[in-house]
Every structure is written in C-alpha cells, then in structure tokens.
Amino acid sequence: MTLVISAVMLPQERLNRLQISGVLLGVLGVLLVVGPWQLIGDPAFLSSIPAQLACLAATACYGVGLSYLRRFVSGTHNYDATTIAAVQIVLAFALACVLAPFSMLNPVQLNCR
C-alpha cells in the first residue's frame, strides 16, 4: 500500500516492472490469506466487510503518513527520520491513552467457530 500511495503522492517516485510485480504478488498473497471465496454464502461475511475495510484503511494510512512525511516534513527540519517516527509513535500512544477509557467500555469477547 505504501509503495502504491508513494508513487501517487511523490512525483519523483515511479514504479518499475519489478515493483509492480511485487505489488501484484502482494495483493494475490493477501487474497490467498483472507480467502474471500470461503466466505461466500456465509451470513457473517457481510458483517466482516467493515472490519476488512478498516484494516485496508489502516494500511492506506501508513502509506499516506509516510508519503506525507517524506514530501512535506523530511528535509525541512534538522530531525532525522528515526526521531520523527518516534515522536509520531509517542503521540499516537498518548492519543490512545486518552481515548481508551471511552472506547473500551465492554470486555473483549472472542467468537471462535
């Protein structure tokens, strides 16, 4: 996802044939692991679509975040990439700590088939 988004957001990044092949192989690998053909006809399939889209959106956020960092932040300050990434993780942790009491109202239950 990051490779595709960086190719879109960063004009200097162009995908070569090997990278395109890697992206296609990755998509096929994800399809093989998820196995959507096994869920056809299963009523739980429709209820799992939002969760699958949320996972896809999360990976897209990684790609957008890294591409944004490279395009607009990197090179404008005297901070290296490790420092910027560490600050991002600490800020995300702080935000999660603030939101956790409001989002974790019920105990987590695992539904195993």
PDB file of N, CA and C in Angstrom:
ATOM      1  N   MET A   1       0.837  -1.188   0.000  1.00  0.00           N
ATOM      2  CA  MET A   1       0.000   0.000   0.000  1.00  0.00           C
ATOM      3  C   MET A   1       0.883   1.255   0.000  1.00  0.00           C
ATOM      4  N   THR A   2       1.940   1.228   0.804  1.00  0.00           N
ATOM      5  CA  THR A   2       2.834   2.382   0.872  1.00  0.00           C
ATOM      6  C   THR A   2       3.493   2.639  -0.470  1.00  0.00           C
ATOM      7  N   LEU A   3       3.897   1.591  -1.143  1.00  0.00           N
ATOM      8  CA  LEU A   3       4.549   1.743  -2.441  1.00  0.00           C
ATOM      9  C   LEU A   3       3.608   2.383  -3.462  1.00  0.00           C
ATOM     10  N   VAL A   4       2.374   1.953  -3.487  1.00  0.00           N
ATOM     11  CA  VAL A   4       1.406   2.496  -4.439  1.00  0.00           C
ATOM     12  C   VAL A   4       1.081   3.954  -4.110  1.00  0.00           C
ATOM     13  N   ILE A   5       0.848   4.237  -2.829  1.00  0.00           N
ATOM     14  CA  ILE A   5       0.497   5.605  -2.436  1.00  0.00           C
ATOM     15  C   ILE A   5       1.675   6.550  -2.641  1.00  0.00           C
ATOM     16  N   SER A   6       2.889   6.080  -2.353  1.00  0.00           N
ATOM     17  CA  SER A   6       4.044   6.956  -2.570  1.00  0.00           C
ATOM     18  C   SER A   6       4.245   7.243  -4.057  1.00  0.00           C
ATOM     19  N   ALA A   7       3.910   6.293  -4.908  1.00  0.00           N
ATOM     20  CA  ALA A   7       4.013   6.536  -6.348  1.00  0.00           C
ATOM     21  C   ALA A   7       3.009   7.590  -6.799  1.00  0.00           C
ATOM     22  N   VAL A   8       1.873   7.680  -6.098  1.00  0.00           N
ATOM     23  CA  VAL A   8       0.854   8.673  -6.438  1.00  0.00           C
ATOM     24  C   VAL A   8       1.197  10.036  -5.836  1.00  0.00           C
ATOM     25  N   MET A   9       1.630  10.052  -4.567  1.00  0.00           N
ATOM     26  CA  MET A   9       1.858  11.316  -3.865  1.00  0.00           C
ATOM     27  C   MET A   9       3.213  11.957  -4.165  1.00  0.00           C
ATOM     28  N   LEU A  10       4.179  11.148  -4.544  1.00  0.00           N
ATOM     29  CA  LEU A  10       5.518  11.669  -4.789  1.00  0.00           C
ATOM     30  C   LEU A  10       5.830  11.557  -6.278  1.00  0.00           C
ATOM     31  N   PRO A  11       5.820  12.672  -6.998  1.00  0.00           N
ATOM     32  CA  PRO A  11       6.011  12.617  -8.447  1.00  0.00           C
ATOM     33  C   PRO A  11       7.354  12.016  -8.872  1.00  0.00           C
ATOM     34  N   GLN A  12       8.374  12.131  -8.037  1.00  0.00           N
ATOM     35  CA  GLN A  12       9.687  11.597  -8.403  1.00  0.00           C
ATOM     36  C   GLN A  12       9.766  10.072  -8.254  1.00  0.00           C
ATOM     37  N   GLU A  13       8.788   9.497  -7.591  1.00  0.00           N
ATOM     38  CA  GLU A  13       8.763   8.046  -7.411  1.00  0.00           C
ATOM     39  C   GLU A  13       7.981   7.406  -8.557  1.00  0.00           C
ATOM     40  N   ARG A  14       8.639   6.606  -9.328  1.00  0.00           N
ATOM     41  CA  ARG A  14       7.983   5.878 -10.408  1.00  0.00           C
ATOM     42  C   ARG A  14       8.204   4.393 -10.180  1.00  0.00           C
ATOM     43  N   LEU A  15       7.160   3.627 -10.359  1.00  0.00           N
ATOM     44  CA  LEU A  15       7.267   2.186 -10.164  1.00  0.00           C
ATOM     45  C   LEU A  15       7.874   1.527 -11.396  1.00  0.00           C
ATOM     46  N   ASN A  16       8.846   0.649 -11.161  1.00  0.00           N
ATOM     47  CA  ASN A  16       9.388  -0.115 -12.286  1.00  0.00           C
ATOM     48  C   ASN A  16       8.640  -1.449 -12.363  1.00  0.00           C
ATOM     49  N   ARG A  17       8.979  -2.259 -13.332  1.00  0.00           N
ATOM     50  CA  ARG A  17       8.248  -3.524 -13.550  1.00  0.00           C
ATOM     51  C   ARG A  17       8.371  -4.468 -12.357  1.00  0.00           C
ATOM     52  N   LEU A  18       9.545  -4.516 -11.748  1.00  0.00           N
ATOM     53  CA  LEU A  18       9.740  -5.407 -10.607  1.00  0.00           C
ATOM     54  C   LEU A  18       8.875  -4.973  -9.421  1.00  0.00           C
ATOM     55  N   GLN A  19       8.763  -3.679  -9.186  1.00  0.00           N
ATOM     56  CA  GLN A  19       7.929  -3.181  -8.095  1.00  0.00           C
ATOM     57  C   GLN A  19       6.450  -3.435  -8.366  1.00  0.00           C
ATOM     58  N   ILE A  20       6.021  -3.236  -9.595  1.00  0.00           N
ATOM     59  CA  ILE A  20       4.628  -3.516  -9.962  1.00  0.00           C
ATOM     60  C   ILE A  20       4.332  -5.008  -9.771  1.00  0.00           C
ATOM     61  N   SER A  21       5.269  -5.854 -10.174  1.00  0.00           N
ATOM     62  CA  SER A  21       5.099  -7.299  -9.964  1.00  0.00           C
ATOM     63  C   SER A  21       5.005  -7.618  -8.477  1.00  0.00           C
ATOM     64  N   GLY A  22       5.816  -6.947  -7.662  1.00  0.00           N
ATOM     65  CA  GLY A  22       5.767  -7.159  -6.212  1.00  0.00           C
ATOM     66  C   GLY A  22       4.439  -6.748  -5.615  1.00  0.00           C
ATOM     67  N   VAL A  23       3.885  -5.623  -6.089  1.00  0.00           N
ATOM     68  CA  VAL A  23       2.578  -5.173  -5.601  1.00  0.00           C
ATOM     69  C   VAL A  23       1.498  -6.186  -5.979  1.00  0.00           C
ATOM     70  N   LEU A  24       1.509  -6.639  -7.209  1.00  0.00           N
ATOM     71  CA  LEU A  24       0.510  -7.627  -7.649  1.00  0.00           C
ATOM     72  C   LEU A  24       0.654  -8.936  -6.888  1.00  0.00           C
ATOM     73  N   LEU A  25       1.888  -9.374  -6.643  1.00  0.00           N
ATOM     74  CA  LEU A  25       2.114 -10.588  -5.867  1.00  0.00           C
ATOM     75  C   LEU A  25       1.631 -10.405  -4.428  1.00  0.00           C
ATOM     76  N   GLY A  26       1.837  -9.219  -3.867  1.00  0.00           N
ATOM     77  CA  GLY A  26       1.349  -8.928  -2.517  1.00  0.00           C
ATOM     78  C   GLY A  26      -0.165  -8.965  -2.441  1.00  0.00           C
ATOM     79  N   VAL A  27      -0.835  -8.404  -3.435  1.00  0.00           N
ATOM     80  CA  VAL A  27      -2.303  -8.424  -3.466  1.00  0.00           C
ATOM     81  C   VAL A  27      -2.804  -9.872  -3.556  1.00  0.00           C
ATOM     82  N   LEU A  28      -2.166 -10.666  -4.401  1.00  0.00           N
ATOM     83  CA  LEU A  28      -2.557 -12.073  -4.506  1.00  0.00           C
ATOM     84  C   LEU A  28      -2.304 -12.811  -3.192  1.00  0.00           C
ATOM     85  N   GLY A  29      -1.218 -12.489  -2.515  1.00  0.00           N
ATOM     86  CA  GLY A  29      -0.922 -13.105  -1.228  1.00  0.00           C
ATOM     87  C   GLY A  29      -1.957 -12.761  -0.177  1.00  0.00           C
ATOM     88  N   VAL A  30      -2.382 -11.503  -0.143  1.00  0.00           N
ATOM     89  CA  VAL A  30      -3.418 -11.096   0.808  1.00  0.00           C
ATOM     90  C   VAL A  30      -4.727 -11.816   0.494  1.00  0.00           C
ATOM     91  N   LEU A  31      -5.075 -11.904  -0.764  1.00  0.00           N
ATOM     92  CA  LEU A  31      -6.293 -12.629  -1.144  1.00  0.00           C
ATOM     93  C   LEU A  31      -6.211 -14.098  -0.748  1.00  0.00           C
ATOM     94  N   LEU A  32      -5.032 -14.688  -0.889  1.00  0.00           N
ATOM     95  CA  LEU A  32      -4.854 -16.085  -0.516  1.00  0.00           C
ATOM     96  C   LEU A  32      -5.011 -16.278   0.988  1.00  0.00           C
ATOM     97  N   VAL A  33      -4.474 -15.353   1.772  1.00  0.00           N
ATOM     98  CA  VAL A  33      -4.569 -15.466   3.228  1.00  0.00           C
ATOM     99  C   VAL A  33      -5.997 -15.213   3.702  1.00  0.00           C
ATOM    100  N   VAL A  34      -6.644 -14.173   3.161  1.00  0.00           N
ATOM    101  CA  VAL A  34      -8.003 -13.840   3.589  1.00  0.00           C
ATOM    102  C   VAL A  34      -9.003 -14.881   3.087  1.00  0.00           C
ATOM    103  N   GLY A  35      -8.820 -15.362   1.883  1.00  0.00           N
ATOM    104  CA  GLY A  35      -9.703 -16.393   1.330  1.00  0.00           C
ATOM    105  C   GLY A  35     -11.147 -15.965   1.223  1.00  0.00           C
ATOM    106  N   PRO A  36     -11.456 -14.875   0.496  1.00  0.00           N
ATOM    107  CA  PRO A  36     -12.839 -14.405   0.444  1.00  0.00           C
ATOM    108  C   PRO A  36     -13.795 -15.404  -0.202  1.00  0.00           C
ATOM    109  N   TRP A  37     -13.294 -16.303  -1.023  1.00  0.00           N
ATOM    110  CA  TRP A  37     -14.170 -17.287  -1.655  1.00  0.00           C
ATOM    111  C   TRP A  37     -14.749 -18.265  -0.629  1.00  0.00           C
ATOM    112  N   GLN A  38     -14.104 -18.409   0.529  1.00  0.00           N
ATOM    113  CA  GLN A  38     -14.618 -19.289   1.562  1.00  0.00           C
ATOM    114  C   GLN A  38     -15.799 -18.658   2.304  1.00  0.00           C
ATOM    115  N   LEU A  39     -15.934 -17.357   2.186  1.00  0.00           N
ATOM    116  CA  LEU A  39     -16.973 -16.647   2.926  1.00  0.00           C
ATOM    117  C   LEU A  39     -18.250 -16.429   2.122  1.00  0.00           C
ATOM    118  N   ILE A  40     -18.231 -16.739   0.853  1.00  0.00           N
ATOM    119  CA  ILE A  40     -19.416 -16.537   0.014  1.00  0.00           C
ATOM    120  C   ILE A  40     -20.529 -17.457   0.501  1.00  0.00           C
ATOM    121  N   GLY A  41     -21.685 -16.873   0.735  1.00  0.00           N
ATOM    122  CA  GLY A  41     -22.816 -17.622   1.247  1.00  0.00           C
ATOM    123  C   GLY A  41     -22.877 -17.667   2.762  1.00  0.00           C
ATOM    124  N   ASP A  42     -21.849 -17.178   3.419  1.00  0.00           N
ATOM    125  CA  ASP A  42     -21.820 -17.142   4.880  1.00  0.00           C
ATOM    126  C   ASP A  42     -22.420 -15.820   5.336  1.00  0.00           C
ATOM    127  N   PRO A  43     -23.434 -15.840   6.210  1.00  0.00           N
ATOM    128  CA  PRO A  43     -24.039 -14.581   6.656  1.00  0.00           C
ATOM    129  C   PRO A  43     -23.063 -13.698   7.432  1.00  0.00           C
ATOM    130  N   ALA A  44     -22.044 -14.290   8.017  1.00  0.00           N
ATOM    131  CA  ALA A  44     -21.052 -13.498   8.751  1.00  0.00           C
ATOM    132  C   ALA A  44     -20.164 -12.696   7.801  1.00  0.00           C
ATOM    133  N   PHE A  45     -20.188 -13.063   6.509  1.00  0.00           N
ATOM    134  CA  PHE A  45     -19.343 -12.367   5.539  1.00  0.00           C
ATOM    135  C   PHE A  45     -19.695 -10.889   5.448  1.00  0.00           C
ATOM    136  N   LEU A  46     -20.987 -10.590   5.375  1.00  0.00           N
ATOM    137  CA  LEU A  46     -21.405  -9.194   5.265  1.00  0.00           C
ATOM    138  C   LEU A  46     -21.041  -8.399   6.515  1.00  0.00           C
ATOM    139  N   SER A  47     -21.096  -9.035   7.670  1.00  0.00           N
ATOM    140  CA  SER A  47     -20.743  -8.321   8.895  1.00  0.00           C
ATOM    141  C   SER A  47     -19.243  -8.144   9.040  1.00  0.00           C
ATOM    142  N   SER A  48     -18.449  -8.924   8.310  1.00  0.00           N
ATOM    143  CA  SER A  48     -16.998  -8.785   8.407  1.00  0.00           C
ATOM    144  C   SER A  48     -16.437  -7.773   7.414  1.00  0.00           C
ATOM    145  N   ILE A  49     -17.242  -7.319   6.471  1.00  0.00           N
ATOM    146  CA  ILE A  49     -16.758  -6.367   5.468  1.00  0.00           C
ATOM    147  C   ILE A  49     -16.278  -5.063   6.101  1.00  0.00           C
ATOM    148  N   PRO A  50     -16.996  -4.456   7.045  1.00  0.00           N
ATOM    149  CA  PRO A  50     -16.466  -3.228   7.662  1.00  0.00           C
ATOM    150  C   PRO A  50     -15.112  -3.432   8.340  1.00  0.00           C
ATOM    151  N   ALA A  51     -14.911  -4.569   8.979  1.00  0.00           N
ATOM    152  CA  ALA A  51     -13.627  -4.841   9.627  1.00  0.00           C
ATOM    153  C   ALA A  51     -12.519  -4.992   8.591  1.00  0.00           C
ATOM    154  N   GLN A  52     -12.816  -5.654   7.492  1.00  0.00           N
ATOM    155  CA  GLN A  52     -11.820  -5.809   6.435  1.00  0.00           C
ATOM    156  C   GLN A  52     -11.480  -4.458   5.807  1.00  0.00           C
ATOM    157  N   LEU A  53     -12.498  -3.617   5.605  1.00  0.00           N
ATOM    158  CA  LEU A  53     -12.240  -2.280   5.062  1.00  0.00           C
ATOM    159  C   LEU A  53     -11.449  -1.417   6.044  1.00  0.00           C
ATOM    160  N   ALA A  54     -11.685  -1.608   7.337  1.00  0.00           N
ATOM    161  CA  ALA A  54     -10.921  -0.868   8.350  1.00  0.00           C
ATOM    162  C   ALA A  54      -9.448  -1.262   8.311  1.00  0.00           C
ATOM    163  N   CYS A  55      -9.176  -2.542   8.127  1.00  0.00           N
ATOM    164  CA  CYS A  55      -7.786  -2.994   8.003  1.00  0.00           C
ATOM    165  C   CYS A  55      -7.137  -2.420   6.747  1.00  0.00           C
ATOM    166  N   LEU A  56      -7.869  -2.387   5.661  1.00  0.00           N
ATOM    167  CA  LEU A  56      -7.362  -1.806   4.427  1.00  0.00           C
ATOM    168  C   LEU A  56      -7.106  -0.312   4.597  1.00  0.00           C
ATOM    169  N   ALA A  57      -8.013   0.373   5.274  1.00  0.00           N
ATOM    170  CA  ALA A  57      -7.830   1.804   5.525  1.00  0.00           C
ATOM    171  C   ALA A  57      -6.620   2.063   6.427  1.00  0.00           C
ATOM    172  N   ALA A  58      -6.380   1.177   7.386  1.00  0.00           N
ATOM    173  CA  ALA A  58      -5.216   1.341   8.260  1.00  0.00           C
ATOM    174  C   ALA A  58      -3.921   1.243   7.466  1.00  0.00           C
ATOM    175  N   THR A  59      -3.852   0.292   6.548  1.00  0.00           N
ATOM    176  CA  THR A  59      -2.635   0.182   5.742  1.00  0.00           C
ATOM    177  C   THR A  59      -2.498   1.380   4.811  1.00  0.00           C
ATOM    178  N   ALA A  60      -3.622   1.903   4.331  1.00  0.00           N
ATOM    179  CA  ALA A  60      -3.567   3.102   3.500  1.00  0.00           C
ATOM    180  C   ALA A  60      -3.069   4.297   4.308  1.00  0.00           C
ATOM    181  N   CYS A  61      -3.446   4.364   5.574  1.00  0.00           N
ATOM    182  CA  CYS A  61      -2.975   5.465   6.434  1.00  0.00           C
ATOM    183  C   CYS A  61      -1.468   5.415   6.614  1.00  0.00           C
ATOM    184  N   TYR A  62      -0.910   4.213   6.716  1.00  0.00           N
ATOM    185  CA  TYR A  62       0.549   4.100   6.785  1.00  0.00           C
ATOM    186  C   TYR A  62       1.187   4.687   5.529  1.00  0.00           C
ATOM    187  N   GLY A  63       0.649   4.336   4.389  1.00  0.00           N
ATOM    188  CA  GLY A  63       1.199   4.843   3.133  1.00  0.00           C
ATOM    189  C   GLY A  63       1.069   6.341   3.008  1.00  0.00           C
ATOM    190  N   VAL A  64      -0.086   6.886   3.364  1.00  0.00           N
ATOM    191  CA  VAL A  64      -0.298   8.333   3.294  1.00  0.00           C
ATOM    192  C   VAL A  64       0.615   9.048   4.288  1.00  0.00           C
ATOM    193  N   GLY A  65       0.703   8.514   5.510  1.00  0.00           N
ATOM    194  CA  GLY A  65       1.531   9.149   6.533  1.00  0.00           C
ATOM    195  C   GLY A  65       2.999   9.191   6.148  1.00  0.00           C
ATOM    196  N   LEU A  66       3.523   8.075   5.656  1.00  0.00           N
ATOM    197  CA  LEU A  66       4.927   8.046   5.270  1.00  0.00           C
ATOM    198  C   LEU A  66       5.201   8.929   4.053  1.00  0.00           C
ATOM    199  N   SER A  67       4.294   8.918   3.098  1.00  0.00           N
ATOM    200  CA  SER A  67       4.481   9.757   1.913  1.00  0.00           C
ATOM    201  C   SER A  67       4.370  11.237   2.265  1.00  0.00           C
ATOM    202  N   TYR A  68       3.434  11.576   3.135  1.00  0.00           N
ATOM    203  CA  TYR A  68       3.293  12.966   3.584  1.00  0.00           C
ATOM    204  C   TYR A  68       4.549  13.409   4.322  1.00  0.00           C
ATOM    205  N   LEU A  69       5.043  12.543   5.197  1.00  0.00           N
ATOM    206  CA  LEU A  69       6.261  12.848   5.944  1.00  0.00           C
ATOM    207  C   LEU A  69       7.428  13.097   4.999  1.00  0.00           C
ATOM    208  N   ARG A  70       7.554  12.261   4.004  1.00  0.00           N
ATOM    209  CA  ARG A  70       8.671  12.405   3.065  1.00  0.00           C
ATOM    210  C   ARG A  70       8.530  13.651   2.202  1.00  0.00           C
ATOM    211  N   ARG A  71       7.313  13.972   1.815  1.00  0.00           N
ATOM    212  CA  ARG A  71       7.119  15.093   0.896  1.00  0.00           C
ATOM    213  C   ARG A  71       7.162  16.452   1.593  1.00  0.00           C
ATOM    214  N   PHE A  72       6.532  16.554   2.774  1.00  0.00           N
ATOM    215  CA  PHE A  72       6.361  17.865   3.383  1.00  0.00           C
ATOM    216  C   PHE A  72       7.199  18.115   4.632  1.00  0.00           C
ATOM    217  N   VAL A  73       7.607  17.077   5.336  1.00  0.00           N
ATOM    218  CA  VAL A  73       8.310  17.280   6.600  1.00  0.00           C
ATOM    219  C   VAL A  73       9.791  16.993   6.476  1.00  0.00           C
ATOM    220  N   SER A  74      10.130  15.885   5.852  1.00  0.00           N
ATOM    221  CA  SER A  74      11.529  15.490   5.738  1.00  0.00           C
ATOM    222  C   SER A  74      12.314  16.529   4.932  1.00  0.00           C
ATOM    223  N   GLY A  75      13.432  16.921   5.457  1.00  0.00           N
ATOM    224  CA  GLY A  75      14.265  17.899   4.765  1.00  0.00           C
ATOM    225  C   GLY A  75      13.969  19.326   5.142  1.00  0.00           C
ATOM    226  N   THR A  76      12.843  19.592   5.786  1.00  0.00           N
ATOM    227  CA  THR A  76      12.531  20.964   6.184  1.00  0.00           C
ATOM    228  C   THR A  76      13.037  21.268   7.581  1.00  0.00           C
ATOM    229  N   HIS A  77      13.322  20.233   8.376  1.00  0.00           N
ATOM    230  CA  HIS A  77      13.832  20.410   9.733  1.00  0.00           C
ATOM    231  C   HIS A  77      15.130  19.637   9.870  1.00  0.00           C
ATOM    232  N   ASN A  78      15.795  19.840  10.951  1.00  0.00           N
ATOM    233  CA  ASN A  78      17.060  19.149  11.183  1.00  0.00           C
ATOM    234  C   ASN A  78      16.880  17.854  11.957  1.00  0.00           C
ATOM    235  N   TYR A  79      15.728  17.216  11.840  1.00  0.00           N
ATOM    236  CA  TYR A  79      15.457  15.970  12.539  1.00  0.00           C
ATOM    237  C   TYR A  79      15.611  14.806  11.575  1.00  0.00           C
ATOM    238  N   ASP A  80      16.159  13.724  12.091  1.00  0.00           N
ATOM    239  CA  ASP A  80      16.275  12.543  11.250  1.00  0.00           C
ATOM    240  C   ASP A  80      14.959  11.756  11.271  1.00  0.00           C
ATOM    241  N   ALA A  81      14.858  10.794  10.381  1.00  0.00           N
ATOM    242  CA  ALA A  81      13.606  10.033  10.233  1.00  0.00           C
ATOM    243  C   ALA A  81      13.270   9.251  11.492  1.00  0.00           C
ATOM    244  N   THR A  82      14.274   8.754  12.207  1.00  0.00           N
ATOM    245  CA  THR A  82      14.018   7.978  13.420  1.00  0.00           C
ATOM    246  C   THR A  82      13.365   8.847  14.496  1.00  0.00           C
ATOM    247  N   THR A  83      13.846  10.063  14.653  1.00  0.00           N
ATOM    248  CA  THR A  83      13.271  10.974  15.647  1.00  0.00           C
ATOM    249  C   THR A  83      11.832  11.310  15.305  1.00  0.00           C
ATOM    250  N   ILE A  84      11.570  11.599  14.048  1.00  0.00           N
ATOM    251  CA  ILE A  84      10.207  11.942  13.622  1.00  0.00           C
ATOM    252  C   ILE A  84       9.276  10.749  13.833  1.00  0.00           C
ATOM    253  N   ALA A  85       9.726   9.539  13.480  1.00  0.00           N
ATOM    254  CA  ALA A  85       8.904   8.345  13.673  1.00  0.00           C
ATOM    255  C   ALA A  85       8.651   8.092  15.156  1.00  0.00           C
ATOM    256  N   ALA A  86       9.653   8.306  16.002  1.00  0.00           N
ATOM    257  CA  ALA A  86       9.480   8.104  17.440  1.00  0.00           C
ATOM    258  C   ALA A  86       8.460   9.080  18.014  1.00  0.00           C
ATOM    259  N   VAL A  87       8.505  10.329  17.575  1.00  0.00           N
ATOM    260  CA  VAL A  87       7.532  11.323  18.046  1.00  0.00           C
ATOM    261  C   VAL A  87       6.128  10.938  17.597  1.00  0.00           C
ATOM    262  N   GLN A  88       5.992  10.449  16.383  1.00  0.00           N
ATOM    263  CA  GLN A  88       4.681  10.018  15.902  1.00  0.00           C
ATOM    264  C   GLN A  88       4.128   8.879  16.748  1.00  0.00           C
ATOM    265  N   ILE A  89       4.973   7.930  17.105  1.00  0.00           N
ATOM    266  CA  ILE A  89       4.515   6.791  17.904  1.00  0.00           C
ATOM    267  C   ILE A  89       4.125   7.235  19.310  1.00  0.00           C
ATOM    268  N   VAL A  90       4.923   8.121  19.905  1.00  0.00           N
ATOM    269  CA  VAL A  90       4.606   8.616  21.250  1.00  0.00           C
ATOM    270  C   VAL A  90       3.292   9.400  21.231  1.00  0.00           C
ATOM    271  N   LEU A  91       3.085  10.227  20.227  1.00  0.00           N
ATOM    272  CA  LEU A  91       1.831  10.978  20.130  1.00  0.00           C
ATOM    273  C   LEU A  91       0.635  10.053  19.910  1.00  0.00           C
ATOM    274  N   ALA A  92       0.804   9.020  19.105  1.00  0.00           N
ATOM    275  CA  ALA A  92      -0.279   8.052  18.895  1.00  0.00           C
ATOM    276  C   ALA A  92      -0.589   7.306  20.189  1.00  0.00           C
ATOM    277  N   PHE A  93       0.444   6.964  20.952  1.00  0.00           N
ATOM    278  CA  PHE A  93       0.239   6.298  22.237  1.00  0.00           C
ATOM    279  C   PHE A  93      -0.522   7.210  23.196  1.00  0.00           C
ATOM    280  N   ALA A  94      -0.147   8.491  23.241  1.00  0.00           N
ATOM    281  CA  ALA A  94      -0.837   9.437  24.125  1.00  0.00           C
ATOM    282  C   ALA A  94      -2.303   9.580  23.726  1.00  0.00           C
ATOM    283  N   LEU A  95      -2.566   9.663  22.441  1.00  0.00           N
ATOM    284  CA  LEU A  95      -3.941   9.763  21.964  1.00  0.00           C
ATOM    285  C   LEU A  95      -4.733   8.499  22.315  1.00  0.00           C
ATOM    286  N   ALA A  96      -4.109   7.338  22.159  1.00  0.00           N
ATOM    287  CA  ALA A  96      -4.786   6.081  22.510  1.00  0.00           C
ATOM    288  C   ALA A  96      -5.090   6.027  24.005  1.00  0.00           C
ATOM    289  N   CYS A  97      -4.180   6.527  24.824  1.00  0.00           N
ATOM    290  CA  CYS A  97      -4.420   6.536  26.276  1.00  0.00           C
ATOM    291  C   CYS A  97      -5.587   7.454  26.642  1.00  0.00           C
ATOM    292  N   VAL A  98      -5.718   8.562  25.925  1.00  0.00           N
ATOM    293  CA  VAL A  98      -6.820   9.487  26.197  1.00  0.00           C
ATOM    294  C   VAL A  98      -8.152   8.881  25.753  1.00  0.00           C
ATOM    295  N   LEU A  99      -8.160   8.199  24.611  1.00  0.00           N
ATOM    296  CA  LEU A  99      -9.409   7.668  24.058  1.00  0.00           C
ATOM    297  C   LEU A  99      -9.804   6.305  24.624  1.00  0.00           C
ATOM    298  N   ALA A 100      -8.866   5.562  25.192  1.00  0.00           N
ATOM    299  CA  ALA A 100      -9.155   4.201  25.662  1.00  0.00           C
ATOM    300  C   ALA A 100     -10.290   4.133  26.680  1.00  0.00           C
ATOM    301  N   PRO A 101     -10.361   5.017  27.661  1.00  0.00           N
ATOM    302  CA  PRO A 101     -11.472   4.901  28.619  1.00  0.00           C
ATOM    303  C   PRO A 101     -12.851   5.063  27.979  1.00  0.00           C
ATOM    304  N   PHE A 102     -12.914   5.747  26.861  1.00  0.00           N
ATOM    305  CA  PHE A 102     -14.196   5.970  26.197  1.00  0.00           C
ATOM    306  C   PHE A 102     -14.529   4.880  25.180  1.00  0.00           C
ATOM    307  N   SER A 103     -13.519   4.230  24.654  1.00  0.00           N
ATOM    308  CA  SER A 103     -13.765   3.224  23.621  1.00  0.00           C
ATOM    309  C   SER A 103     -13.757   1.798  24.171  1.00  0.00           C
ATOM    310  N   MET A 104     -13.206   1.589  25.333  1.00  0.00           N
ATOM    311  CA  MET A 104     -13.119   0.254  25.920  1.00  0.00           C
ATOM    312  C   MET A 104     -14.129   0.101  27.058  1.00  0.00           C
ATOM    313  N   LEU A 105     -15.402   0.274  26.750  1.00  0.00           N
ATOM    314  CA  LEU A 105     -16.432   0.213  27.777  1.00  0.00           C
ATOM    315  C   LEU A 105     -16.841  -1.212  28.128  1.00  0.00           C
ATOM    316  N   ASN A 106     -16.711  -2.127  27.190  1.00  0.00           N
ATOM    317  CA  ASN A 106     -17.121  -3.510  27.412  1.00  0.00           C
ATOM    318  C   ASN A 106     -15.900  -4.426  27.302  1.00  0.00           C
ATOM    319  N   PRO A 107     -15.924  -5.555  27.987  1.00  0.00           N
ATOM    320  CA  PRO A 107     -14.817  -6.503  27.855  1.00  0.00           C
ATOM    321  C   PRO A 107     -14.782  -7.098  26.438  1.00  0.00           C
ATOM    322  N   VAL A 108     -13.607  -7.450  25.998  1.00  0.00           N
ATOM    323  CA  VAL A 108     -13.433  -8.037  24.674  1.00  0.00           C
ATOM    324  C   VAL A 108     -13.831  -9.509  24.737  1.00  0.00           C
ATOM    325  N   GLN A 109     -14.630  -9.926  23.764  1.00  0.00           N
ATOM    326  CA  GLN A 109     -15.053 -11.313  23.687  1.00  0.00           C
ATOM    327  C   GLN A 109     -14.633 -11.879  22.330  1.00  0.00           C
ATOM    328  N   LEU A 110     -13.989 -13.019  22.363  1.00  0.00           N
ATOM    329  CA  LEU A 110     -13.586 -13.670  21.133  1.00  0.00           C
ATOM    330  C   LEU A 110     -14.631 -14.696  20.739  1.00  0.00           C
ATOM    331  N   ASN A 111     -15.080 -14.640  19.512  1.00  0.00           N
ATOM    332  CA  ASN A 111     -16.062 -15.595  18.996  1.00  0.00           C
ATOM    333  C   ASN A 111     -15.341 -16.568  18.086  1.00  0.00           C
ATOM    334  N   CYS A 112     -15.042 -17.739  18.582  1.00  0.00           N
ATOM    335  CA  CYS A 112     -14.366 -18.759  17.795  1.00  0.00           C
ATOM    336  C   CYS A 112     -15.403 -19.736  17.261  1.00  0.00           C
ATOM    337  N   ARG A 113     -15.249 -20.099  16.035  1.00  0.00           N
ATOM    338  CA  ARG A 113     -16.194 -21.036  15.428  1.00  0.00           C
ATOM    339  C   ARG A 113     -15.767 -22.449  15.679  1.00  0.00           C
TER     340      ARG A 113
END
